[in-house]
mmCIF file of all heavy atoms, coordinates in Angstrom:
data_MODEL
# 
_entry.id   MODEL 
# 
loop_
_atom_site.group_PDB 
_atom_site.id 
_atom_site.type_symbol 
_atom_site.label_atom_id 
_atom_site.label_alt_id 
_atom_site.label_comp_id 
_atom_site.label_asym_id 
_atom_site.label_entity_id 
_atom_site.label_seq_id 
_atom_site.pdbx_PDB_ins_code 
_atom_site.Cartn_x 
_atom_site.Cartn_y 
_atom_site.Cartn_z 
_atom_site.occupancy 
_atom_site.B_iso_or_equiv 
_atom_site.pdbx_formal_charge 
_atom_site.auth_seq_id 
_atom_site.auth_comp_id 
_atom_site.auth_asym_id 
_atom_site.auth_atom_id 
_atom_site.pdbx_PDB_model_num 
ATOM 1   N N   . LEU A 1 1  ? -9.784  9.388   40.433 1.00 0.00 ? 1  LEU A N   1 
ATOM 2   C CA  . LEU A 1 1  ? -11.232 9.754   40.858 1.00 0.00 ? 1  LEU A CA  1 
ATOM 3   C C   . LEU A 1 1  ? -12.121 9.077   39.819 1.00 0.00 ? 1  LEU A C   1 
ATOM 4   O O   . LEU A 1 1  ? -13.314 9.166   40.060 1.00 0.00 ? 1  LEU A O   1 
ATOM 5   C CB  . LEU A 1 1  ? -11.358 11.265  40.937 1.00 0.00 ? 1  LEU A CB  1 
ATOM 6   C CG  . LEU A 1 1  ? -10.588 11.977  41.909 1.00 0.00 ? 1  LEU A CG  1 
ATOM 7   C CD1 . LEU A 1 1  ? -10.866 13.464  41.803 1.00 0.00 ? 1  LEU A CD1 1 
ATOM 8   C CD2 . LEU A 1 1  ? -10.891 11.500  43.352 1.00 0.00 ? 1  LEU A CD2 1 
ATOM 9   N N   . THR A 1 2  ? -11.680 8.485   38.800 1.00 0.00 ? 2  THR A N   1 
ATOM 10  C CA  . THR A 1 2  ? -12.435 7.706   37.942 1.00 0.00 ? 2  THR A CA  1 
ATOM 11  C C   . THR A 1 2  ? -12.144 6.360   37.987 1.00 0.00 ? 2  THR A C   1 
ATOM 12  O O   . THR A 1 2  ? -11.006 5.840   38.077 1.00 0.00 ? 2  THR A O   1 
ATOM 13  C CB  . THR A 1 2  ? -12.256 8.181   36.439 1.00 0.00 ? 2  THR A CB  1 
ATOM 14  O OG1 . THR A 1 2  ? -10.898 8.089   36.125 1.00 0.00 ? 2  THR A OG1 1 
ATOM 15  C CG2 . THR A 1 2  ? -12.691 9.625   36.302 1.00 0.00 ? 2  THR A CG2 1 
ATOM 16  N N   . ASN A 1 3  ? -13.211 5.487   38.035 1.00 0.00 ? 3  ASN A N   1 
ATOM 17  C CA  . ASN A 1 3  ? -12.991 4.017   38.368 1.00 0.00 ? 3  ASN A CA  1 
ATOM 18  C C   . ASN A 1 3  ? -14.173 3.269   37.760 1.00 0.00 ? 3  ASN A C   1 
ATOM 19  O O   . ASN A 1 3  ? -15.342 3.672   37.975 1.00 0.00 ? 3  ASN A O   1 
ATOM 20  C CB  . ASN A 1 3  ? -12.916 3.882   39.795 1.00 0.00 ? 3  ASN A CB  1 
ATOM 21  C CG  . ASN A 1 3  ? -12.135 2.590   40.159 1.00 0.00 ? 3  ASN A CG  1 
ATOM 22  O OD1 . ASN A 1 3  ? -11.591 1.938   39.280 1.00 0.00 ? 3  ASN A OD1 1 
ATOM 23  N ND2 . ASN A 1 3  ? -12.015 2.380   41.385 1.00 0.00 ? 3  ASN A ND2 1 
ATOM 24  N N   . PHE A 1 4  ? -13.941 2.305   36.958 1.00 0.00 ? 4  PHE A N   1 
ATOM 25  C CA  . PHE A 1 4  ? -15.090 1.470   36.257 1.00 0.00 ? 4  PHE A CA  1 
ATOM 26  C C   . PHE A 1 4  ? -15.000 0.106   36.883 1.00 0.00 ? 4  PHE A C   1 
ATOM 27  O O   . PHE A 1 4  ? -13.789 -0.494  37.081 1.00 0.00 ? 4  PHE A O   1 
ATOM 28  C CB  . PHE A 1 4  ? -14.990 1.473   34.783 1.00 0.00 ? 4  PHE A CB  1 
ATOM 29  C CG  . PHE A 1 4  ? -15.346 2.789   34.171 1.00 0.00 ? 4  PHE A CG  1 
ATOM 30  C CD1 . PHE A 1 4  ? -14.422 3.722   33.816 1.00 0.00 ? 4  PHE A CD1 1 
ATOM 31  C CD2 . PHE A 1 4  ? -16.698 3.097   34.005 1.00 0.00 ? 4  PHE A CD2 1 
ATOM 32  C CE1 . PHE A 1 4  ? -14.756 4.898   33.162 1.00 0.00 ? 4  PHE A CE1 1 
ATOM 33  C CE2 . PHE A 1 4  ? -17.120 4.322   33.496 1.00 0.00 ? 4  PHE A CE2 1 
ATOM 34  C CZ  . PHE A 1 4  ? -16.183 5.098   32.965 1.00 0.00 ? 4  PHE A CZ  1 
ATOM 35  N N   . HIS A 1 5  ? -16.112 -0.544  36.956 1.00 0.00 ? 5  HIS A N   1 
ATOM 36  C CA  . HIS A 1 5  ? -16.217 -1.952  37.293 1.00 0.00 ? 5  HIS A CA  1 
ATOM 37  C C   . HIS A 1 5  ? -17.061 -2.590  36.237 1.00 0.00 ? 5  HIS A C   1 
ATOM 38  O O   . HIS A 1 5  ? -18.073 -2.012  35.856 1.00 0.00 ? 5  HIS A O   1 
ATOM 39  C CB  . HIS A 1 5  ? -16.830 -2.203  38.636 1.00 0.00 ? 5  HIS A CB  1 
ATOM 40  C CG  . HIS A 1 5  ? -15.958 -1.916  39.808 1.00 0.00 ? 5  HIS A CG  1 
ATOM 41  N ND1 . HIS A 1 5  ? -14.823 -2.540  40.035 1.00 0.00 ? 5  HIS A ND1 1 
ATOM 42  C CD2 . HIS A 1 5  ? -16.036 -1.044  40.824 1.00 0.00 ? 5  HIS A CD2 1 
ATOM 43  C CE1 . HIS A 1 5  ? -14.158 -2.081  41.154 1.00 0.00 ? 5  HIS A CE1 1 
ATOM 44  N NE2 . HIS A 1 5  ? -14.921 -1.035  41.671 1.00 0.00 ? 5  HIS A NE2 1 
ATOM 45  N N   . LEU A 1 6  ? -16.741 -3.718  35.766 1.00 0.00 ? 6  LEU A N   1 
ATOM 46  C CA  . LEU A 1 6  ? -17.561 -4.549  34.887 1.00 0.00 ? 6  LEU A CA  1 
ATOM 47  C C   . LEU A 1 6  ? -18.316 -5.586  35.618 1.00 0.00 ? 6  LEU A C   1 
ATOM 48  O O   . LEU A 1 6  ? -17.721 -6.344  36.477 1.00 0.00 ? 6  LEU A O   1 
ATOM 49  C CB  . LEU A 1 6  ? -16.662 -5.207  33.840 1.00 0.00 ? 6  LEU A CB  1 
ATOM 50  C CG  . LEU A 1 6  ? -15.886 -4.227  32.854 1.00 0.00 ? 6  LEU A CG  1 
ATOM 51  C CD1 . LEU A 1 6  ? -14.939 -4.902  32.017 1.00 0.00 ? 6  LEU A CD1 1 
ATOM 52  C CD2 . LEU A 1 6  ? -16.892 -3.533  32.071 1.00 0.00 ? 6  LEU A CD2 1 
ATOM 53  N N   . ILE A 1 7  ? -19.567 -5.804  35.353 1.00 0.00 ? 7  ILE A N   1 
ATOM 54  C CA  . ILE A 1 7  ? -20.388 -6.799  36.112 1.00 0.00 ? 7  ILE A CA  1 
ATOM 55  C C   . ILE A 1 7  ? -21.142 -7.505  35.018 1.00 0.00 ? 7  ILE A C   1 
ATOM 56  O O   . ILE A 1 7  ? -21.945 -6.980  34.355 1.00 0.00 ? 7  ILE A O   1 
ATOM 57  C CB  . ILE A 1 7  ? -21.446 -6.151  37.048 1.00 0.00 ? 7  ILE A CB  1 
ATOM 58  C CG1 . ILE A 1 7  ? -20.695 -5.329  38.024 1.00 0.00 ? 7  ILE A CG1 1 
ATOM 59  C CG2 . ILE A 1 7  ? -22.210 -7.125  37.700 1.00 0.00 ? 7  ILE A CG2 1 
ATOM 60  C CD1 . ILE A 1 7  ? -21.684 -4.301  38.831 1.00 0.00 ? 7  ILE A CD1 1 
ATOM 61  N N   . PRO A 1 8  ? -20.853 -8.813  34.722 1.00 0.00 ? 8  PRO A N   1 
ATOM 62  C CA  . PRO A 1 8  ? -19.834 -9.704  35.352 1.00 0.00 ? 8  PRO A CA  1 
ATOM 63  C C   . PRO A 1 8  ? -18.458 -9.200  34.786 1.00 0.00 ? 8  PRO A C   1 
ATOM 64  O O   . PRO A 1 8  ? -18.395 -8.711  33.702 1.00 0.00 ? 8  PRO A O   1 
ATOM 65  C CB  . PRO A 1 8  ? -20.289 -10.987 34.929 1.00 0.00 ? 8  PRO A CB  1 
ATOM 66  C CG  . PRO A 1 8  ? -20.939 -10.835 33.680 1.00 0.00 ? 8  PRO A CG  1 
ATOM 67  C CD  . PRO A 1 8  ? -21.608 -9.567  33.814 1.00 0.00 ? 8  PRO A CD  1 
ATOM 68  N N   . PRO A 1 9  ? -17.324 -9.644  35.507 1.00 0.00 ? 9  PRO A N   1 
ATOM 69  C CA  . PRO A 1 9  ? -15.968 -9.300  34.984 1.00 0.00 ? 9  PRO A CA  1 
ATOM 70  C C   . PRO A 1 9  ? -15.490 -10.128 33.838 1.00 0.00 ? 9  PRO A C   1 
ATOM 71  O O   . PRO A 1 9  ? -14.529 -9.853  33.309 1.00 0.00 ? 9  PRO A O   1 
ATOM 72  C CB  . PRO A 1 9  ? -15.130 -9.576  36.228 1.00 0.00 ? 9  PRO A CB  1 
ATOM 73  C CG  . PRO A 1 9  ? -15.829 -10.427 37.149 1.00 0.00 ? 9  PRO A CG  1 
ATOM 74  C CD  . PRO A 1 9  ? -17.322 -10.299 36.848 1.00 0.00 ? 9  PRO A CD  1 
ATOM 75  N N   . ARG A 1 10 ? -16.208 -11.198 33.555 1.00 0.00 ? 10 ARG A N   1 
ATOM 76  C CA  . ARG A 1 10 ? -15.866 -12.022 32.330 1.00 0.00 ? 10 ARG A CA  1 
ATOM 77  C C   . ARG A 1 10 ? -17.141 -12.613 31.763 1.00 0.00 ? 10 ARG A C   1 
ATOM 78  O O   . ARG A 1 10 ? -18.127 -12.795 32.491 1.00 0.00 ? 10 ARG A O   1 
ATOM 79  C CB  . ARG A 1 10 ? -14.859 -13.102 32.754 1.00 0.00 ? 10 ARG A CB  1 
ATOM 80  C CG  . ARG A 1 10 ? -15.371 -14.125 33.643 1.00 0.00 ? 10 ARG A CG  1 
ATOM 81  C CD  . ARG A 1 10 ? -14.200 -15.038 34.192 1.00 0.00 ? 10 ARG A CD  1 
ATOM 82  N NE  . ARG A 1 10 ? -13.054 -14.456 34.671 1.00 0.00 ? 10 ARG A NE  1 
ATOM 83  C CZ  . ARG A 1 10 ? -12.983 -13.888 35.970 1.00 0.00 ? 10 ARG A CZ  1 
ATOM 84  N NH1 . ARG A 1 10 ? -14.057 -14.115 36.758 1.00 0.00 ? 10 ARG A NH1 1 
ATOM 85  N NH2 . ARG A 1 10 ? -11.953 -13.311 36.393 1.00 0.00 ? 10 ARG A NH2 1 
ATOM 86  N N   . VAL A 1 11 ? -17.130 -12.963 30.547 1.00 0.00 ? 11 VAL A N   1 
ATOM 87  C CA  . VAL A 1 11 ? -18.283 -13.567 29.837 1.00 0.00 ? 11 VAL A CA  1 
ATOM 88  C C   . VAL A 1 11 ? -17.946 -14.947 29.336 1.00 0.00 ? 11 VAL A C   1 
ATOM 89  O O   . VAL A 1 11 ? -17.037 -15.127 28.696 1.00 0.00 ? 11 VAL A O   1 
ATOM 90  C CB  . VAL A 1 11 ? -18.787 -12.671 28.701 1.00 0.00 ? 11 VAL A CB  1 
ATOM 91  C CG1 . VAL A 1 11 ? -19.908 -13.322 28.003 1.00 0.00 ? 11 VAL A CG1 1 
ATOM 92  C CG2 . VAL A 1 11 ? -19.189 -11.236 29.258 1.00 0.00 ? 11 VAL A CG2 1 
ATOM 93  N N   . THR A 1 12 ? -18.755 -15.925 29.703 1.00 0.00 ? 12 THR A N   1 
ATOM 94  C CA  . THR A 1 12 ? -18.619 -17.298 29.271 1.00 0.00 ? 12 THR A CA  1 
ATOM 95  C C   . THR A 1 12 ? -19.889 -17.698 28.610 1.00 0.00 ? 12 THR A C   1 
ATOM 96  O O   . THR A 1 12 ? -20.882 -17.867 29.365 1.00 0.00 ? 12 THR A O   1 
ATOM 97  C CB  . THR A 1 12 ? -18.142 -18.286 30.389 1.00 0.00 ? 12 THR A CB  1 
ATOM 98  O OG1 . THR A 1 12 ? -17.019 -17.788 31.041 1.00 0.00 ? 12 THR A OG1 1 
ATOM 99  C CG2 . THR A 1 12 ? -17.963 -19.595 29.810 1.00 0.00 ? 12 THR A CG2 1 
ATOM 100 N N   . PHE A 1 13 ? -19.920 -17.917 27.317 1.00 0.00 ? 13 PHE A N   1 
ATOM 101 C CA  . PHE A 1 13 ? -21.167 -18.242 26.651 1.00 0.00 ? 13 PHE A CA  1 
ATOM 102 C C   . PHE A 1 13 ? -21.462 -19.668 26.822 1.00 0.00 ? 13 PHE A C   1 
ATOM 103 O O   . PHE A 1 13 ? -22.672 -20.093 26.568 1.00 0.00 ? 13 PHE A O   1 
ATOM 104 C CB  . PHE A 1 13 ? -21.127 -17.792 25.134 1.00 0.00 ? 13 PHE A CB  1 
ATOM 105 C CG  . PHE A 1 13 ? -21.381 -16.428 24.885 1.00 0.00 ? 13 PHE A CG  1 
ATOM 106 C CD1 . PHE A 1 13 ? -20.308 -15.527 24.660 1.00 0.00 ? 13 PHE A CD1 1 
ATOM 107 C CD2 . PHE A 1 13 ? -22.646 -15.864 24.910 1.00 0.00 ? 13 PHE A CD2 1 
ATOM 108 C CE1 . PHE A 1 13 ? -20.600 -14.158 24.414 1.00 0.00 ? 13 PHE A CE1 1 
ATOM 109 C CE2 . PHE A 1 13 ? -22.881 -14.602 24.689 1.00 0.00 ? 13 PHE A CE2 1 
ATOM 110 C CZ  . PHE A 1 13 ? -21.827 -13.788 24.376 1.00 0.00 ? 13 PHE A CZ  1 
ATOM 111 N N   . GLY A 1 14 ? -20.545 -20.541 26.997 1.00 0.00 ? 14 GLY A N   1 
ATOM 112 C CA  . GLY A 1 14 ? -20.722 -21.987 27.004 1.00 0.00 ? 14 GLY A CA  1 
ATOM 113 C C   . GLY A 1 14 ? -20.727 -22.653 25.563 1.00 0.00 ? 14 GLY A C   1 
ATOM 114 O O   . GLY A 1 14 ? -20.010 -22.022 24.659 1.00 0.00 ? 14 GLY A O   1 
ATOM 115 N N   . VAL A 1 15 ? -21.463 -23.600 25.402 1.00 0.00 ? 15 VAL A N   1 
ATOM 116 C CA  . VAL A 1 15 ? -21.526 -24.311 24.043 1.00 0.00 ? 15 VAL A CA  1 
ATOM 117 C C   . VAL A 1 15 ? -22.610 -23.769 23.184 1.00 0.00 ? 15 VAL A C   1 
ATOM 118 O O   . VAL A 1 15 ? -23.710 -23.603 23.586 1.00 0.00 ? 15 VAL A O   1 
ATOM 119 C CB  . VAL A 1 15 ? -21.746 -25.815 24.269 1.00 0.00 ? 15 VAL A CB  1 
ATOM 120 C CG1 . VAL A 1 15 ? -21.772 -26.618 22.891 1.00 0.00 ? 15 VAL A CG1 1 
ATOM 121 C CG2 . VAL A 1 15 ? -20.688 -26.369 25.118 1.00 0.00 ? 15 VAL A CG2 1 
ATOM 122 N N   . LEU A 1 16 ? -22.162 -23.279 21.981 1.00 0.00 ? 16 LEU A N   1 
ATOM 123 C CA  . LEU A 1 16 ? -23.126 -22.628 21.079 1.00 0.00 ? 16 LEU A CA  1 
ATOM 124 C C   . LEU A 1 16 ? -23.218 -23.426 19.809 1.00 0.00 ? 16 LEU A C   1 
ATOM 125 O O   . LEU A 1 16 ? -22.315 -24.107 19.385 1.00 0.00 ? 16 LEU A O   1 
ATOM 126 C CB  . LEU A 1 16 ? -22.584 -21.108 20.718 1.00 0.00 ? 16 LEU A CB  1 
ATOM 127 C CG  . LEU A 1 16 ? -22.175 -20.274 21.952 1.00 0.00 ? 16 LEU A CG  1 
ATOM 128 C CD1 . LEU A 1 16 ? -21.531 -18.984 21.339 1.00 0.00 ? 16 LEU A CD1 1 
ATOM 129 C CD2 . LEU A 1 16 ? -23.313 -20.024 22.780 1.00 0.00 ? 16 LEU A CD2 1 
ATOM 130 N N   . LYS A 1 17 ? -24.370 -23.306 19.054 1.00 0.00 ? 17 LYS A N   1 
ATOM 131 C CA  . LYS A 1 17 ? -24.573 -23.946 17.874 1.00 0.00 ? 17 LYS A CA  1 
ATOM 132 C C   . LYS A 1 17 ? -24.182 -23.094 16.750 1.00 0.00 ? 17 LYS A C   1 
ATOM 133 O O   . LYS A 1 17 ? -24.436 -21.885 16.738 1.00 0.00 ? 17 LYS A O   1 
ATOM 134 C CB  . LYS A 1 17 ? -26.119 -24.196 17.698 1.00 0.00 ? 17 LYS A CB  1 
ATOM 135 C CG  . LYS A 1 17 ? -26.459 -24.890 16.478 1.00 0.00 ? 17 LYS A CG  1 
ATOM 136 C CD  . LYS A 1 17 ? -27.948 -25.129 16.416 1.00 0.00 ? 17 LYS A CD  1 
ATOM 137 C CE  . LYS A 1 17 ? -28.378 -25.744 15.099 1.00 0.00 ? 17 LYS A CE  1 
ATOM 138 N NZ  . LYS A 1 17 ? -29.807 -25.806 14.982 1.00 0.00 ? 17 LYS A NZ  1 
ATOM 139 N N   . GLU A 1 18 ? -23.365 -23.693 15.861 1.00 0.00 ? 18 GLU A N   1 
ATOM 140 C CA  . GLU A 1 18 ? -22.902 -22.970 14.703 1.00 0.00 ? 18 GLU A CA  1 
ATOM 141 C C   . GLU A 1 18 ? -23.907 -22.309 13.843 1.00 0.00 ? 18 GLU A C   1 
ATOM 142 O O   . GLU A 1 18 ? -24.967 -22.942 13.624 1.00 0.00 ? 18 GLU A O   1 
ATOM 143 C CB  . GLU A 1 18 ? -21.980 -23.831 13.881 1.00 0.00 ? 18 GLU A CB  1 
ATOM 144 C CG  . GLU A 1 18 ? -21.250 -23.157 12.716 1.00 0.00 ? 18 GLU A CG  1 
ATOM 145 C CD  . GLU A 1 18 ? -20.564 -24.030 11.750 1.00 0.00 ? 18 GLU A CD  1 
ATOM 146 O OE1 . GLU A 1 18 ? -20.675 -25.302 11.831 1.00 0.00 ? 18 GLU A OE1 1 
ATOM 147 O OE2 . GLU A 1 18 ? -19.797 -23.570 10.905 1.00 0.00 ? 18 GLU A OE2 1 
ATOM 148 N N   . GLY A 1 19 ? -23.723 -21.068 13.395 1.00 0.00 ? 19 GLY A N   1 
ATOM 149 C CA  . GLY A 1 19 ? -24.602 -20.385 12.598 1.00 0.00 ? 19 GLY A CA  1 
ATOM 150 C C   . GLY A 1 19 ? -25.757 -19.596 13.350 1.00 0.00 ? 19 GLY A C   1 
ATOM 151 O O   . GLY A 1 19 ? -26.504 -18.866 12.667 1.00 0.00 ? 19 GLY A O   1 
ATOM 152 N N   . CYS A 1 20 ? -25.685 -19.585 14.673 1.00 0.00 ? 20 CYS A N   1 
ATOM 153 C CA  . CYS A 1 20 ? -26.617 -18.848 15.476 1.00 0.00 ? 20 CYS A CA  1 
ATOM 154 C C   . CYS A 1 20 ? -25.994 -17.665 16.138 1.00 0.00 ? 20 CYS A C   1 
ATOM 155 O O   . CYS A 1 20 ? -24.790 -17.588 16.241 1.00 0.00 ? 20 CYS A O   1 
ATOM 156 C CB  . CYS A 1 20 ? -27.265 -19.833 16.580 1.00 0.00 ? 20 CYS A CB  1 
ATOM 157 S SG  . CYS A 1 20 ? -28.207 -21.101 15.932 1.00 0.00 ? 20 CYS A SG  1 
ATOM 158 N N   . THR A 1 21 ? -26.707 -16.574 16.408 1.00 0.00 ? 21 THR A N   1 
ATOM 159 C CA  . THR A 1 21 ? -26.230 -15.467 17.061 1.00 0.00 ? 21 THR A CA  1 
ATOM 160 C C   . THR A 1 21 ? -26.739 -15.394 18.617 1.00 0.00 ? 21 THR A C   1 
ATOM 161 O O   . THR A 1 21 ? -27.947 -15.718 18.815 1.00 0.00 ? 21 THR A O   1 
ATOM 162 C CB  . THR A 1 21 ? -26.746 -14.155 16.438 1.00 0.00 ? 21 THR A CB  1 
ATOM 163 O OG1 . THR A 1 21 ? -26.302 -14.202 15.025 1.00 0.00 ? 21 THR A OG1 1 
ATOM 164 C CG2 . THR A 1 21 ? -26.282 -12.892 17.046 1.00 0.00 ? 21 THR A CG2 1 
ATOM 165 N N   . TYR A 1 22 ? -25.861 -15.077 19.461 1.00 0.00 ? 22 TYR A N   1 
ATOM 166 C CA  . TYR A 1 22 ? -26.185 -15.132 20.879 1.00 0.00 ? 22 TYR A CA  1 
ATOM 167 C C   . TYR A 1 22 ? -25.757 -13.714 21.394 1.00 0.00 ? 22 TYR A C   1 
ATOM 168 O O   . TYR A 1 22 ? -24.771 -13.146 20.879 1.00 0.00 ? 22 TYR A O   1 
ATOM 169 C CB  . TYR A 1 22 ? -25.434 -16.157 21.651 1.00 0.00 ? 22 TYR A CB  1 
ATOM 170 C CG  . TYR A 1 22 ? -25.796 -17.641 21.183 1.00 0.00 ? 22 TYR A CG  1 
ATOM 171 C CD1 . TYR A 1 22 ? -25.120 -18.208 20.101 1.00 0.00 ? 22 TYR A CD1 1 
ATOM 172 C CD2 . TYR A 1 22 ? -26.812 -18.268 21.777 1.00 0.00 ? 22 TYR A CD2 1 
ATOM 173 C CE1 . TYR A 1 22 ? -25.416 -19.426 19.601 1.00 0.00 ? 22 TYR A CE1 1 
ATOM 174 C CE2 . TYR A 1 22 ? -27.166 -19.538 21.311 1.00 0.00 ? 22 TYR A CE2 1 
ATOM 175 C CZ  . TYR A 1 22 ? -26.422 -20.099 20.259 1.00 0.00 ? 22 TYR A CZ  1 
ATOM 176 O OH  . TYR A 1 22 ? -26.826 -21.454 19.881 1.00 0.00 ? 22 TYR A OH  1 
ATOM 177 N N   . ALA A 1 23 ? -26.278 -13.233 22.528 1.00 0.00 ? 23 ALA A N   1 
ATOM 178 C CA  . ALA A 1 23 ? -26.052 -11.968 23.123 1.00 0.00 ? 23 ALA A CA  1 
ATOM 179 C C   . ALA A 1 23 ? -26.131 -12.046 24.624 1.00 0.00 ? 23 ALA A C   1 
ATOM 180 O O   . ALA A 1 23 ? -27.031 -12.788 25.222 1.00 0.00 ? 23 ALA A O   1 
ATOM 181 C CB  . ALA A 1 23 ? -26.998 -10.931 22.520 1.00 0.00 ? 23 ALA A CB  1 
ATOM 182 N N   . THR A 1 24 ? -25.393 -11.206 25.250 1.00 0.00 ? 24 THR A N   1 
ATOM 183 C CA  . THR A 1 24 ? -25.551 -10.995 26.777 1.00 0.00 ? 24 THR A CA  1 
ATOM 184 C C   . THR A 1 24 ? -25.221 -9.568  27.128 1.00 0.00 ? 24 THR A C   1 
ATOM 185 O O   . THR A 1 24 ? -24.670 -8.848  26.272 1.00 0.00 ? 24 THR A O   1 
ATOM 186 C CB  . THR A 1 24 ? -24.618 -12.007 27.625 1.00 0.00 ? 24 THR A CB  1 
ATOM 187 O OG1 . THR A 1 24 ? -24.927 -11.930 28.865 1.00 0.00 ? 24 THR A OG1 1 
ATOM 188 C CG2 . THR A 1 24 ? -23.198 -11.680 27.270 1.00 0.00 ? 24 THR A CG2 1 
ATOM 189 N N   . ILE A 1 25 ? -25.638 -9.208  28.289 1.00 0.00 ? 25 ILE A N   1 
ATOM 190 C CA  . ILE A 1 25 ? -25.429 -7.821  28.728 1.00 0.00 ? 25 ILE A CA  1 
ATOM 191 C C   . ILE A 1 25 ? -24.289 -7.745  29.733 1.00 0.00 ? 25 ILE A C   1 
ATOM 192 O O   . ILE A 1 25 ? -24.369 -8.492  30.685 1.00 0.00 ? 25 ILE A O   1 
ATOM 193 C CB  . ILE A 1 25 ? -26.668 -7.209  29.321 1.00 0.00 ? 25 ILE A CB  1 
ATOM 194 C CG1 . ILE A 1 25 ? -27.842 -7.158  28.203 1.00 0.00 ? 25 ILE A CG1 1 
ATOM 195 C CG2 . ILE A 1 25 ? -26.507 -5.803  29.764 1.00 0.00 ? 25 ILE A CG2 1 
ATOM 196 C CD1 . ILE A 1 25 ? -27.658 -6.117  27.119 1.00 0.00 ? 25 ILE A CD1 1 
ATOM 197 N N   . VAL A 1 26 ? -23.338 -6.779  29.637 1.00 0.00 ? 26 VAL A N   1 
ATOM 198 C CA  . VAL A 1 26 ? -22.400 -6.479  30.662 1.00 0.00 ? 26 VAL A CA  1 
ATOM 199 C C   . VAL A 1 26 ? -22.619 -5.101  31.084 1.00 0.00 ? 26 VAL A C   1 
ATOM 200 O O   . VAL A 1 26 ? -22.800 -4.145  30.295 1.00 0.00 ? 26 VAL A O   1 
ATOM 201 C CB  . VAL A 1 26 ? -21.031 -6.706  30.211 1.00 0.00 ? 26 VAL A CB  1 
ATOM 202 C CG1 . VAL A 1 26 ? -19.982 -6.242  31.167 1.00 0.00 ? 26 VAL A CG1 1 
ATOM 203 C CG2 . VAL A 1 26 ? -20.734 -8.105  29.782 1.00 0.00 ? 26 VAL A CG2 1 
ATOM 204 N N   . ILE A 1 27 ? -22.619 -4.895  32.404 1.00 0.00 ? 27 ILE A N   1 
ATOM 205 C CA  . ILE A 1 27 ? -22.917 -3.498  32.955 1.00 0.00 ? 27 ILE A CA  1 
ATOM 206 C C   . ILE A 1 27 ? -21.507 -2.946  33.351 1.00 0.00 ? 27 ILE A C   1 
ATOM 207 O O   . ILE A 1 27 ? -20.749 -3.509  33.993 1.00 0.00 ? 27 ILE A O   1 
ATOM 208 C CB  . ILE A 1 27 ? -23.760 -3.591  34.227 1.00 0.00 ? 27 ILE A CB  1 
ATOM 209 C CG1 . ILE A 1 27 ? -25.192 -4.078  33.783 1.00 0.00 ? 27 ILE A CG1 1 
ATOM 210 C CG2 . ILE A 1 27 ? -23.908 -2.261  34.887 1.00 0.00 ? 27 ILE A CG2 1 
ATOM 211 C CD1 . ILE A 1 27 ? -26.087 -4.221  34.996 1.00 0.00 ? 27 ILE A CD1 1 
ATOM 212 N N   . MET A 1 28 ? -21.220 -1.782  32.729 1.00 0.00 ? 28 MET A N   1 
ATOM 213 C CA  . MET A 1 28 ? -20.072 -1.071  33.118 1.00 0.00 ? 28 MET A CA  1 
ATOM 214 C C   . MET A 1 28 ? -20.432 0.060   34.047 1.00 0.00 ? 28 MET A C   1 
ATOM 215 O O   . MET A 1 28 ? -21.151 1.046   33.660 1.00 0.00 ? 28 MET A O   1 
ATOM 216 C CB  . MET A 1 28 ? -19.398 -0.528  31.843 1.00 0.00 ? 28 MET A CB  1 
ATOM 217 C CG  . MET A 1 28 ? -18.086 0.163   32.016 1.00 0.00 ? 28 MET A CG  1 
ATOM 218 S SD  . MET A 1 28 ? -17.320 0.493   30.499 1.00 0.00 ? 28 MET A SD  1 
ATOM 219 C CE  . MET A 1 28 ? -16.320 1.767   30.858 1.00 0.00 ? 28 MET A CE  1 
ATOM 220 N N   . LYS A 1 29 ? -20.089 0.052   35.322 1.00 0.00 ? 29 LYS A N   1 
ATOM 221 C CA  . LYS A 1 29 ? -20.466 0.895   36.373 1.00 0.00 ? 29 LYS A CA  1 
ATOM 222 C C   . LYS A 1 29 ? -19.318 1.871   36.760 1.00 0.00 ? 29 LYS A C   1 
ATOM 223 O O   . LYS A 1 29 ? -18.306 1.476   36.921 1.00 0.00 ? 29 LYS A O   1 
ATOM 224 C CB  . LYS A 1 29 ? -20.912 0.092   37.606 1.00 0.00 ? 29 LYS A CB  1 
ATOM 225 C CG  . LYS A 1 29 ? -21.492 1.001   38.729 1.00 0.00 ? 29 LYS A CG  1 
ATOM 226 C CD  . LYS A 1 29 ? -21.971 -0.004  39.879 1.00 0.00 ? 29 LYS A CD  1 
ATOM 227 C CE  . LYS A 1 29 ? -23.434 0.088   39.916 1.00 0.00 ? 29 LYS A CE  1 
ATOM 228 N NZ  . LYS A 1 29 ? -24.028 -0.620  40.955 1.00 0.00 ? 29 LYS A NZ  1 
# 
């Protein structure tokens, strides 16, 4: 009776510059 979905199911940041901080939101429903 309990079930979770992650939206999006995977996170791909792509190419990042060294020394910088990046963030994104994942919804757990």
